[in-house]
C-alpha atoms as a PDB file:
ATOM      1  CA  MET A   1       0.000   0.000   0.000  1.00  0.00           C
ATOM      2  CA  GLY A   2       2.820   2.332   0.893  1.00  0.00           C
ATOM      3  CA  ALA A   3       4.480   1.634  -2.434  1.00  0.00           C
ATOM      4  CA  LYS A   4       1.264   2.395  -4.263  1.00  0.00           C
ATOM      5  CA  ALA A   5       0.836   5.596  -2.331  1.00  0.00           C
ATOM      6  CA  GLY A   6       4.357   6.547  -3.194  1.00  0.00           C
ATOM      7  CA  LEU A   7       3.731   5.907  -6.852  1.00  0.00           C
ATOM      8  CA  GLY A   8       0.535   7.917  -6.653  1.00  0.00           C
ATOM      9  CA  ASP A   9       2.366  10.837  -5.129  1.00  0.00           C
ATOM     10  CA  ALA A  10       5.027  10.604  -7.766  1.00  0.00           C
ATOM     11  CA  GLY A  11       2.408  10.405 -10.481  1.00  0.00           C
ATOM     12  CA  SER A  12       0.864  13.650  -9.278  1.00  0.00           C
ATOM     13  CA  SER A  13       4.146  15.494  -9.632  1.00  0.00           C
ATOM     14  CA  PRO A  14       4.052  17.921 -12.569  1.00  0.00           C
ATOM     15  CA  LEU A  15       7.595  16.934 -13.477  1.00  0.00           C
ATOM     16  CA  LEU A  16       6.532  13.311 -13.954  1.00  0.00           C
ATOM     17  CA  THR A  17       3.109  13.794 -15.486  1.00  0.00           C
ATOM     18  CA  VAL A  18       4.479  16.008 -18.252  1.00  0.00           C
ATOM     19  CA  PRO A  19       7.152  14.282 -20.336  1.00  0.00           C
ATOM     20  CA  PRO A  20      10.213  16.386 -21.179  1.00  0.00           C
ATOM     21  CA  ILE A  21       9.703  16.142 -24.959  1.00  0.00           C
ATOM     22  CA  PRO A  22       6.275  17.902 -24.983  1.00  0.00           C
ATOM     23  CA  ARG A  23       7.732  20.587 -22.704  1.00  0.00           C
ATOM     24  CA  LEU A  24      10.567  21.125 -25.156  1.00  0.00           C
ATOM     25  CA  ARG A  25       8.078  21.148 -27.996  1.00  0.00           C
ATOM     26  CA  GLN A  26       6.009  23.785 -26.210  1.00  0.00           C
ATOM     27  CA  PHE A  27       9.158  25.857 -25.731  1.00  0.00           C
ATOM     28  CA  PHE A  28       9.923  25.878 -29.437  1.00  0.00           C
ATOM     29  CA  GLN A  29       6.275  26.623 -30.246  1.00  0.00           C
ATOM     30  CA  ILE A  30       6.484  29.675 -28.007  1.00  0.00           C
ATOM     31  CA  LEU A  31       9.706  30.744 -29.714  1.00  0.00           C
ATOM     32  CA  LYS A  32       8.061  30.423 -33.131  1.00  0.00           C
ATOM     33  CA  SER A  33       5.033  32.359 -31.952  1.00  0.00           C
ATOM     34  CA  THR A  34       7.216  35.351 -31.039  1.00  0.00           C
ATOM     35  CA  ILE A  35       8.551  35.748 -34.602  1.00  0.00           C
ATOM     36  CA  PRO A  36       5.846  38.189 -35.829  1.00  0.00           C
ATOM     37  CA  MET A  37       6.177  40.378 -32.734  1.00  0.00           C
ATOM     38  CA  LEU A  38       9.970  40.350 -32.678  1.00  0.00           C
ATOM     39  CA  THR A  39      10.217  41.172 -36.374  1.00  0.00           C
ATOM     40  CA  PHE A  40       7.731  44.003 -35.896  1.00  0.00           C
ATOM     41  CA  LEU A  41       9.734  45.445 -32.994  1.00  0.00           C
ATOM     42  CA  PHE A  42      12.902  45.218 -35.088  1.00  0.00           C
ATOM     43  CA  VAL A  43      11.393  46.962 -38.123  1.00  0.00           C
ATOM     44  CA  TYR A  44       9.728  49.508 -35.840  1.00  0.00           C
ATOM     45  CA  GLY A  45      13.001  50.275 -34.076  1.00  0.00           C
ATOM     46  CA  ILE A  46      15.076  50.824 -37.228  1.00  0.00           C
ATOM     47  CA  ASN A  47      12.549  53.063 -38.983  1.00  0.00           C
ATOM     48  CA  LYS A  48      14.728  56.142 -38.533  1.00  0.00           C
ATOM     49  CA  VAL A  49      17.439  54.323 -40.476  1.00  0.00           C
ATOM     50  CA  VAL A  50      15.537  52.445 -43.169  1.00  0.00           C
ATOM     51  CA  HIS A  51      12.839  55.127 -43.407  1.00  0.00           C
ATOM     52  CA  ILE A  52       9.863  52.938 -44.336  1.00  0.00           C
ATOM     53  CA  GLN A  53       7.265  54.820 -42.310  1.00  0.00           C
ATOM     54  CA  PRO A  54       7.035  58.634 -42.601  1.00  0.00           C
ATOM     55  CA  VAL A  55       9.253  60.745 -40.369  1.00  0.00           C
ATOM     56  CA  LEU A  56       9.403  64.498 -39.815  1.00  0.00           C
ATOM     57  CA  ASP A  57      10.848  65.085 -43.283  1.00  0.00           C
ATOM     58  CA  ASP A  58       7.775  63.551 -44.930  1.00  0.00           C
ATOM     59  CA  LEU A  59       5.130  66.050 -43.915  1.00  0.00           C
ATOM     60  CA  GLY A  60       3.581  66.074 -47.368  1.00  0.00           C
ATOM     61  CA  CYS A  61       2.187  62.556 -46.930  1.00  0.00           C
ATOM     62  CA  VAL A  62       1.059  62.869 -43.310  1.00  0.00           C
ATOM     63  CA  ASN A  63      -2.569  63.370 -42.319  1.00  0.00           C
ATOM     64  CA  VAL A  64      -2.898  66.144 -39.760  1.00  0.00           C
ATOM     65  CA  HIS A  65      -6.570  67.143 -39.657  1.00  0.00           C
ATOM     66  CA  THR A  66      -8.372  64.031 -40.985  1.00  0.00           C
ATOM     67  CA  LEU A  67      -9.309  62.381 -37.683  1.00  0.00           C
ATOM     68  CA  ASN A  68      -9.946  65.771 -36.131  1.00  0.00           C
ATOM     69  CA  ASN A  69     -12.402  66.600 -38.928  1.00  0.00           C
ATOM     70  CA  ILE A  70     -14.117  63.195 -38.726  1.00  0.00           C
ATOM     71  CA  GLU A  71     -14.742  63.639 -35.007  1.00  0.00           C
ATOM     72  CA  GLU A  72     -15.973  67.157 -35.603  1.00  0.00           C
ATOM     73  CA  PHE A  73     -18.378  65.979 -38.309  1.00  0.00           C
ATOM     74  CA  PHE A  74     -19.866  62.982 -36.500  1.00  0.00           C
ATOM     75  CA  LEU A  75     -19.593  64.034 -32.860  1.00  0.00           C
ATOM     76  CA  GLY A  76     -19.465  67.808 -32.979  1.00  0.00           C
ATOM     77  CA  PHE A  77     -16.698  67.794 -30.367  1.00  0.00           C
ATOM     78  CA  HIS A  78     -13.322  66.212 -29.646  1.00  0.00           C
ATOM     79  CA  PRO A  79     -13.315  63.650 -26.815  1.00  0.00           C
ATOM     80  CA  HIS A  80      -9.622  64.107 -26.073  1.00  0.00           C
ATOM     81  CA  LYS A  81     -10.122  67.826 -25.494  1.00  0.00           C
ATOM     82  CA  MET A  82     -13.113  67.194 -23.262  1.00  0.00           C
ATOM     83  CA  VAL A  83     -11.224  64.581 -21.227  1.00  0.00           C
ATOM     84  CA  SER A  84      -7.944  66.488 -20.972  1.00  0.00           C
ATOM     85  CA  SER A  85      -9.603  69.793 -20.034  1.00  0.00           C
ATOM     86  CA  HIS A  86     -10.581  68.377 -16.620  1.00  0.00           C
ATOM     87  CA  HIS A  87      -7.194  67.727 -15.104  1.00  0.00           C
ATOM     88  CA  SER A  88      -5.547  67.552 -11.713  1.00  0.00           C
ATOM     89  CA  PRO A  89      -2.219  66.265 -10.326  1.00  0.00           C
ATOM     90  CA  VAL A  90      -3.935  63.034  -9.264  1.00  0.00           C
ATOM     91  CA  LEU A  91      -5.401  62.442 -12.724  1.00  0.00           C
ATOM     92  CA  ASP A  92      -2.038  63.274 -14.281  1.00  0.00           C
ATOM     93  CA  LEU A  93      -0.418  60.488 -12.275  1.00  0.00           C
ATOM     94  CA  LEU A  94      -3.271  58.083 -13.023  1.00  0.00           C
ATOM     95  CA  SER A  95      -2.758  58.643 -16.738  1.00  0.00           C
ATOM     96  CA  CYS A  96       0.924  57.723 -16.430  1.00  0.00           C
ATOM     97  CA  ILE A  97       0.400  54.309 -14.838  1.00  0.00           C
ATOM     98  CA  PRO A  98      -1.047  52.396 -17.839  1.00  0.00           C
ATOM     99  CA  TYR A  99       1.526  54.021 -20.144  1.00  0.00           C
ATOM    100  CA  LEU A 100       4.364  52.758 -17.963  1.00  0.00           C
ATOM    101  CA  ILE A 101       2.763  49.324 -17.636  1.00  0.00           C
ATOM    102  CA  HIS A 102       2.365  49.148 -21.413  1.00  0.00           C
ATOM    103  CA  TYR A 103       6.031  48.414 -22.086  1.00  0.00           C
ATOM    104  CA  SER A 104       6.015  45.415 -19.751  1.00  0.00           C
ATOM    105  CA  ILE A 105       3.010  43.693 -21.348  1.00  0.00           C
ATOM    106  CA  PRO A 106       4.981  41.401 -23.731  1.00  0.00           C
ATOM    107  CA  VAL A 107       6.863  40.045 -20.702  1.00  0.00           C
ATOM    108  CA  VAL A 108       4.329  40.248 -17.874  1.00  0.00           C
ATOM    109  CA  VAL A 109       1.460  38.578 -19.759  1.00  0.00           C
ATOM    110  CA  PRO A 110       3.430  35.406 -20.629  1.00  0.00           C
ATOM    111  CA  LEU A 111       4.684  35.230 -17.032  1.00  0.00           C
ATOM    112  CA  TYR A 112       1.105  35.436 -15.783  1.00  0.00           C
ATOM    113  CA  LEU A 113       0.006  32.717 -18.202  1.00  0.00           C
ATOM    114  CA  LEU A 114       2.925  30.556 -17.101  1.00  0.00           C
ATOM    115  CA  LEU A 115       2.078  30.937 -13.416  1.00  0.00           C
ATOM    116  CA  ALA A 116      -1.580  30.248 -14.210  1.00  0.00           C
ATOM    117  CA  ASN A 117      -0.522  26.979 -15.885  1.00  0.00           C
ATOM    118  CA  ARG A 118      -1.799  28.214 -19.248  1.00  0.00           C
ATOM    119  CA  ILE A 119       1.374  27.608 -21.203  1.00  0.00           C
ATOM    120  CA  GLU A 120      -0.403  27.006 -24.514  1.00  0.00           C
ATOM    121  CA  ASP A 121      -1.985  30.448 -24.241  1.00  0.00           C
ATOM    122  CA  ILE A 122       1.482  32.035 -24.307  1.00  0.00           C
ATOM    123  CA  SER A 123       1.821  31.013 -27.956  1.00  0.00           C
ATOM    124  CA  LYS A 124      -1.676  32.293 -28.674  1.00  0.00           C
ATOM    125  CA  PHE A 125      -0.888  35.649 -27.094  1.00  0.00           C
ATOM    126  CA  TYR A 126       2.405  36.198 -28.899  1.00  0.00           C
ATOM    127  CA  TRP A 127       0.986  35.009 -32.213  1.00  0.00           C
ATOM    128  CA  LEU A 128      -2.076  37.246 -32.050  1.00  0.00           C
ATOM    129  CA  ILE A 129      -0.360  40.374 -30.753  1.00  0.00           C
ATOM    130  CA  GLY A 130       2.394  39.981 -33.351  1.00  0.00           C
ATOM    131  CA  TRP A 131      -0.043  39.882 -36.262  1.00  0.00           C
ATOM    132  CA  VAL A 132      -2.102  42.675 -34.688  1.00  0.00           C
ATOM    133  CA  MET A 133       0.939  44.920 -34.722  1.00  0.00           C
ATOM    134  CA  TRP A 134       1.743  44.055 -38.343  1.00  0.00           C
ATOM    135  CA  VAL A 135      -1.800  44.982 -39.374  1.00  0.00           C
ATOM    136  CA  ILE A 136      -1.469  48.224 -37.405  1.00  0.00           C
ATOM    137  CA  TYR A 137       1.908  48.829 -39.045  1.00  0.00           C
ATOM    138  CA  PHE A 138       0.300  48.521 -42.466  1.00  0.00           C
ATOM    139  CA  VAL A 139      -2.431  51.003 -41.487  1.00  0.00           C
ATOM    140  CA  TRP A 140       0.242  53.416 -40.266  1.00  0.00           C
ATOM    141  CA  LEU A 141       1.975  53.035 -43.619  1.00  0.00           C
ATOM    142  CA  VAL A 142      -1.074  53.836 -45.773  1.00  0.00           C
ATOM    143  CA  PHE A 143      -2.675  56.259 -43.325  1.00  0.00           C
ATOM    144  CA  PRO A 144       0.033  58.045 -41.337  1.00  0.00           C
ATOM    145  CA  HIS A 145      -1.606  60.470 -38.948  1.00  0.00           C
ATOM    146  CA  ALA A 146      -0.241  63.017 -36.519  1.00  0.00           C
ATOM    147  CA  PRO A 147      -1.288  62.837 -32.843  1.00  0.00           C
ATOM    148  CA  PRO A 148      -3.786  65.431 -31.586  1.00  0.00           C
ATOM    149  CA  TRP A 149      -1.188  67.463 -29.723  1.00  0.00           C
ATOM    150  CA  VAL A 150       0.111  68.639 -33.129  1.00  0.00           C
ATOM    151  CA  ILE A 151      -3.151  70.456 -33.896  1.00  0.00           C
ATOM    152  CA  ASP A 152      -3.292  71.695 -30.313  1.00  0.00           C
ATOM    153  CA  HIS A 153       0.185  73.137 -30.807  1.00  0.00           C
ATOM    154  CA  LEU A 154      -0.867  74.833 -34.049  1.00  0.00           C
ATOM    155  CA  ASP A 155      -3.928  76.309 -32.363  1.00  0.00           C
ATOM    156  CA  HIS A 156      -1.860  77.505 -29.432  1.00  0.00           C
ATOM    157  CA  THR A 157       0.845  79.181 -31.507  1.00  0.00           C
ATOM    158  CA  GLY A 158      -1.582  80.612 -34.049  1.00  0.00           C
ATOM    159  CA  ASN A 159       0.794  79.610 -36.821  1.00  0.00           C
ATOM    160  CA  GLY A 160      -1.119  77.390 -39.201  1.00  0.00           C
ATOM    161  CA  THR A 161       1.600  77.150 -41.842  1.00  0.00           C
ATOM    162  CA  ASP A 162       4.719  76.096 -39.911  1.00  0.00           C
ATOM    163  CA  PHE A 163       3.795  72.419 -39.759  1.00  0.00           C
ATOM    164  CA  HIS A 164       7.377  71.217 -39.393  1.00  0.00           C
ATOM    165  CA  LYS A 165       7.839  73.281 -36.247  1.00  0.00           C
ATOM    166  CA  ALA A 166       4.480  72.181 -34.883  1.00  0.00           C
ATOM    167  CA  MET A 167       5.264  68.511 -35.477  1.00  0.00           C
ATOM    168  CA  LEU A 168       8.562  68.605 -33.644  1.00  0.00           C
ATOM    169  CA  HIS A 169       7.837  66.579 -30.565  1.00  0.00           C
ATOM    170  CA  ARG A 170       6.153  68.621 -27.896  1.00  0.00           C
ATOM    171  CA  GLU A 171       4.727  66.620 -25.026  1.00  0.00           C
ATOM    172  CA  GLY A 172       1.117  67.602 -24.491  1.00  0.00           C
ATOM    173  CA  CYS A 173      -1.358  67.734 -21.649  1.00  0.00           C
ATOM    174  CA  ALA A 174      -0.727  65.436 -18.682  1.00  0.00           C
ATOM    175  CA  PHE A 175       2.836  64.370 -19.419  1.00  0.00           C
ATOM    176  CA  SER A 176       4.055  67.927 -20.001  1.00  0.00           C
ATOM    177  CA  ARG A 177       2.628  68.924 -16.628  1.00  0.00           C
ATOM    178  CA  ILE A 178       4.355  66.028 -14.900  1.00  0.00           C
ATOM    179  CA  ASP A 179       7.677  66.818 -16.582  1.00  0.00           C
ATOM    180  CA  ALA A 180       7.320  70.449 -15.491  1.00  0.00           C
ATOM    181  CA  LYS A 181       6.291  69.538 -11.940  1.00  0.00           C
ATOM    182  CA  TYR A 182       9.243  67.245 -11.289  1.00  0.00           C
ATOM    183  CA  GLY A 183      11.703  69.277 -13.329  1.00  0.00           C
ATOM    184  CA  THR A 184      12.757  66.414 -15.585  1.00  0.00           C
ATOM    185  CA  PRO A 185      11.924  65.698 -19.239  1.00  0.00           C
ATOM    186  CA  PHE A 186      11.167  62.034 -18.490  1.00  0.00           C
ATOM    187  CA  PHE A 187       8.114  61.664 -20.708  1.00  0.00           C
ATOM    188  CA  TYR A 188       9.463  64.036 -23.333  1.00  0.00           C
ATOM    189  CA  ASN A 189      12.579  61.889 -23.699  1.00  0.00           C
ATOM    190  CA  MET A 190      10.467  58.719 -23.703  1.00  0.00           C
ATOM    191  CA  PHE A 191       8.339  59.774 -26.660  1.00  0.00           C
ATOM    192  CA  SER A 192      10.573  62.198 -28.567  1.00  0.00           C
ATOM    193  CA  GLY A 193      12.683  59.291 -29.756  1.00  0.00           C
ATOM    194  CA  ASN A 194       9.667  57.495 -31.231  1.00  0.00           C
ATOM    195  CA  PRO A 195      10.897  56.050 -34.555  1.00  0.00           C
ATOM    196  CA  ILE A 196       7.364  56.243 -36.006  1.00  0.00           C
ATOM    197  CA  PRO A 197       5.988  59.633 -34.945  1.00  0.00           C
ATOM    198  CA  PHE A 198       2.868  59.428 -37.125  1.00  0.00           C
ATOM    199  CA  GLY A 199       1.333  56.195 -35.854  1.00  0.00           C
ATOM    200  CA  SER A 200      -1.681  57.700 -34.168  1.00  0.00           C
ATOM    201  CA  PHE A 201      -4.329  55.499 -35.787  1.00  0.00           C
ATOM    202  CA  PRO A 202      -4.947  52.866 -34.575  1.00  0.00           C
ATOM    203  CA  SER A 203      -3.565  52.980 -31.044  1.00  0.00           C
ATOM    204  CA  GLY A 204      -1.112  50.260 -30.171  1.00  0.00           C
ATOM    205  CA  HIS A 205      -1.447  51.253 -26.523  1.00  0.00           C
ATOM    206  CA  VAL A 206      -5.090  50.142 -26.570  1.00  0.00           C
ATOM    207  CA  ALA A 207      -4.521  47.159 -28.859  1.00  0.00           C
ATOM    208  CA  TRP A 208      -2.097  45.380 -26.518  1.00  0.00           C
ATOM    209  CA  PRO A 209      -4.317  45.088 -23.420  1.00  0.00           C
ATOM    210  CA  TYR A 210      -7.360  44.303 -25.560  1.00  0.00           C
ATOM    211  CA  THR A 211      -5.419  41.445 -27.152  1.00  0.00           C
ATOM    212  CA  PHE A 212      -4.688  40.124 -23.661  1.00  0.00           C
ATOM    213  CA  TYR A 213      -8.383  40.384 -22.835  1.00  0.00           C
ATOM    214  CA  LEU A 214      -9.298  38.202 -25.825  1.00  0.00           C
ATOM    215  CA  ILE A 215      -6.735  35.579 -24.831  1.00  0.00           C
ATOM    216  CA  GLY A 216      -8.164  35.435 -21.326  1.00  0.00           C
ATOM    217  CA  ALA A 217      -7.025  38.108 -18.909  1.00  0.00           C
ATOM    218  CA  PRO A 218      -7.539  37.855 -15.131  1.00  0.00           C
ATOM    219  CA  GLY A 219     -10.960  39.019 -14.052  1.00  0.00           C
ATOM    220  CA  ASN A 220     -12.500  38.175 -17.424  1.00  0.00           C
ATOM    221  CA  ASN A 221     -14.799  41.071 -18.405  1.00  0.00           C
ATOM    222  CA  TRP A 222     -13.575  43.129 -15.458  1.00  0.00           C
ATOM    223  CA  PHE A 223     -10.284  43.460 -17.321  1.00  0.00           C
ATOM    224  CA  LEU A 224     -12.096  45.706 -19.781  1.00  0.00           C
ATOM    225  CA  LEU A 225     -11.872  48.363 -17.072  1.00  0.00           C
ATOM    226  CA  TYR A 226      -8.118  48.351 -17.549  1.00  0.00           C
ATOM    227  CA  VAL A 227      -8.558  48.610 -21.331  1.00  0.00           C
ATOM    228  CA  ALA A 228     -10.873  51.593 -20.727  1.00  0.00           C
ATOM    229  CA  TRP A 229      -8.288  53.084 -18.347  1.00  0.00           C
ATOM    230  CA  MET A 230      -5.649  52.820 -21.060  1.00  0.00           C
ATOM    231  CA  ALA A 231      -7.982  54.381 -23.629  1.00  0.00           C
ATOM    232  CA  TRP A 232      -8.797  57.217 -21.216  1.00  0.00           C
ATOM    233  CA  ALA A 233      -5.075  57.806 -20.600  1.00  0.00           C
ATOM    234  CA  THR A 234      -4.397  58.126 -24.341  1.00  0.00           C
ATOM    235  CA  LEU A 235      -7.057  60.835 -24.584  1.00  0.00           C
ATOM    236  CA  TYR A 236      -6.095  62.574 -21.348  1.00  0.00           C
ATOM    237  CA  SER A 237      -2.458  62.773 -22.463  1.00  0.00           C
ATOM    238  CA  CYS A 238      -3.472  64.127 -25.903  1.00  0.00           C
ATOM    239  CA  HIS A 239      -1.564  61.295 -27.569  1.00  0.00           C
ATOM    240  CA  HIS A 240      -4.566  59.820 -29.356  1.00  0.00           C
ATOM    241  CA  TYR A 241      -8.005  60.582 -30.693  1.00  0.00           C
ATOM    242  CA  ALA A 242     -11.019  58.567 -29.549  1.00  0.00           C
ATOM    243  CA  LEU A 243     -11.106  57.070 -33.042  1.00  0.00           C
ATOM    244  CA  ASP A 244      -7.625  55.666 -32.434  1.00  0.00           C
ATOM    245  CA  ALA A 245      -8.914  53.609 -29.506  1.00  0.00           C
ATOM    246  CA  VAL A 246     -11.962  52.428 -31.434  1.00  0.00           C
ATOM    247  CA  GLY A 247      -9.764  51.566 -34.398  1.00  0.00           C
ATOM    248  CA  ALA A 248      -7.479  49.534 -32.136  1.00  0.00           C
ATOM    249  CA  VAL A 249     -10.353  47.385 -30.844  1.00  0.00           C
ATOM    250  CA  VAL A 250     -11.685  46.822 -34.368  1.00  0.00           C
ATOM    251  CA  THR A 251      -8.203  45.966 -35.638  1.00  0.00           C
ATOM    252  CA  VAL A 252      -7.645  43.366 -32.921  1.00  0.00           C
ATOM    253  CA  LEU A 253     -11.029  41.743 -33.588  1.00  0.00           C
ATOM    254  CA  LEU A 254     -10.472  41.615 -37.351  1.00  0.00           C
ATOM    255  CA  THR A 255      -6.934  40.308 -36.945  1.00  0.00           C
ATOM    256  CA  ARG A 256      -8.201  37.596 -34.619  1.00  0.00           C
ATOM    257  CA  LYS A 257     -10.674  36.533 -37.310  1.00  0.00           C
ATOM    258  CA  LEU A 258      -7.847  36.514 -39.849  1.00  0.00           C
ATOM    259  CA  VAL A 259      -5.636  34.362 -37.633  1.00  0.00           C
ATOM    260  CA  GLN A 260      -8.504  31.937 -37.005  1.00  0.00           C
ATOM    261  CA  PHE A 261      -9.103  31.712 -40.759  1.00  0.00           C
ATOM    262  CA  MET A 262      -5.403  31.008 -41.351  1.00  0.00           C
ATOM    263  CA  ASN A 263      -5.477  28.267 -38.728  1.00  0.00           C
ATOM    264  CA  ASP A 264      -8.670  26.692 -40.047  1.00  0.00           C
ATOM    265  CA  LYS A 265      -7.241  26.573 -43.563  1.00  0.00           C
ATOM    266  CA  GLY A 266      -3.903  25.282 -42.343  1.00  0.00           C
ATOM    267  CA  ILE A 267      -2.158  28.278 -43.897  1.00  0.00           C
ATOM    268  CA  CYS A 268      -0.093  28.996 -40.828  1.00  0.00           C
ATOM    269  CA  ASN A 269       0.186  27.210 -37.495  1.00  0.00           C
ATOM    270  CA  THR A 270       2.733  25.978 -35.005  1.00  0.00           C
ATOM    271  CA  GLU A 271       3.385  22.820 -36.964  1.00  0.00           C
ATOM    272  CA  SER A 272       4.168  24.804 -40.130  1.00  0.00           C
ATOM    273  CA  ARG A 273       1.740  22.591 -42.027  1.00  0.00           C
ATOM    274  CA  CYS A 274       0.343  24.088 -45.169  1.00  0.00           C
ATOM    275  CA  ARG A 275      -2.614  21.799 -45.645  1.00  0.00           C
ATOM    276  CA  PRO A 276      -6.391  22.137 -45.157  1.00  0.00           C
ATOM    277  CA  THR A 277      -6.589  19.325 -42.562  1.00  0.00           C
ATOM    278  CA  SER A 278      -5.364  21.453 -39.668  1.00  0.00           C
ATOM    279  CA  VAL A 279      -7.851  21.516 -36.823  1.00  0.00           C
ATOM    280  CA  ALA A 280      -8.105  23.519 -33.640  1.00  0.00           C
ATOM    281  CA  ALA A 281      -7.048  20.569 -31.500  1.00  0.00           C
ATOM    282  CA  THR A 282      -3.621  20.456 -33.122  1.00  0.00           C
ATOM    283  CA  CYS A 283      -3.071  24.178 -33.467  1.00  0.00           C
ATOM    284  CA  PRO A 284      -2.165  26.107 -30.307  1.00  0.00           C
ATOM    285  CA  PHE A 285      -2.307  29.301 -32.362  1.00  0.00           C
ATOM    286  CA  ASN A 286      -6.064  28.962 -32.790  1.00  0.00           C
ATOM    287  CA  VAL A 287      -7.148  32.087 -30.938  1.00  0.00           C
END
């Protein structure tokens, strides 16, 4: 009996119930799932060198007033101005928190999924967020748009012709107040080096947490409060229009459908099988 109990205890050990080969296979699946995201981050980071997306020297092909005019036509007001006009030191700090958390998402989310024993979801997360960012990158390429603080700067200076001067990075709203309060250009330095300055629409800041929500974030639907917090912060900081946040949600949903279609058709999955017999049970990338 004691021997059986001992075997039972040993059989319940995670190290013995999960053979090493599947663990190694899962590891390589996770590595493969990071390829879209890593390649995006690489191309994003070298944009100032390879000059694929517009930079400050390409003002002739940058949309400045389009989103502003769309909001004016359909809403009659600009949500980011309404949100940012009611400010306080406490709200300024609250707007910073999701922005600072944003950069940790590609690391923190997989760690959470690992601790929650949802290892297969790590591949799903990396695969989906990688393709989401490539779709967003393509939208940025065909529809480069300046952030709302550019128009705010033009309105403030009263100079409607010196676009190049207006588009030189000038931290707006909440982050400029925080930099001024603490006497350090922390947020200015963080965003002034952005290699793609005209990637306002859609918002990657909103797309990342919403992608996590679709994969299965803690709290389920309650996690949407964090997504809303991030969207509010983008408006409060004058970094994005409301349409940027809406566009991010739509982009994630459409990209998810695209990835599911690719998996169902066997076009692209973890097994690298290009055949129509791929099914969800054999494809961890089926999100």
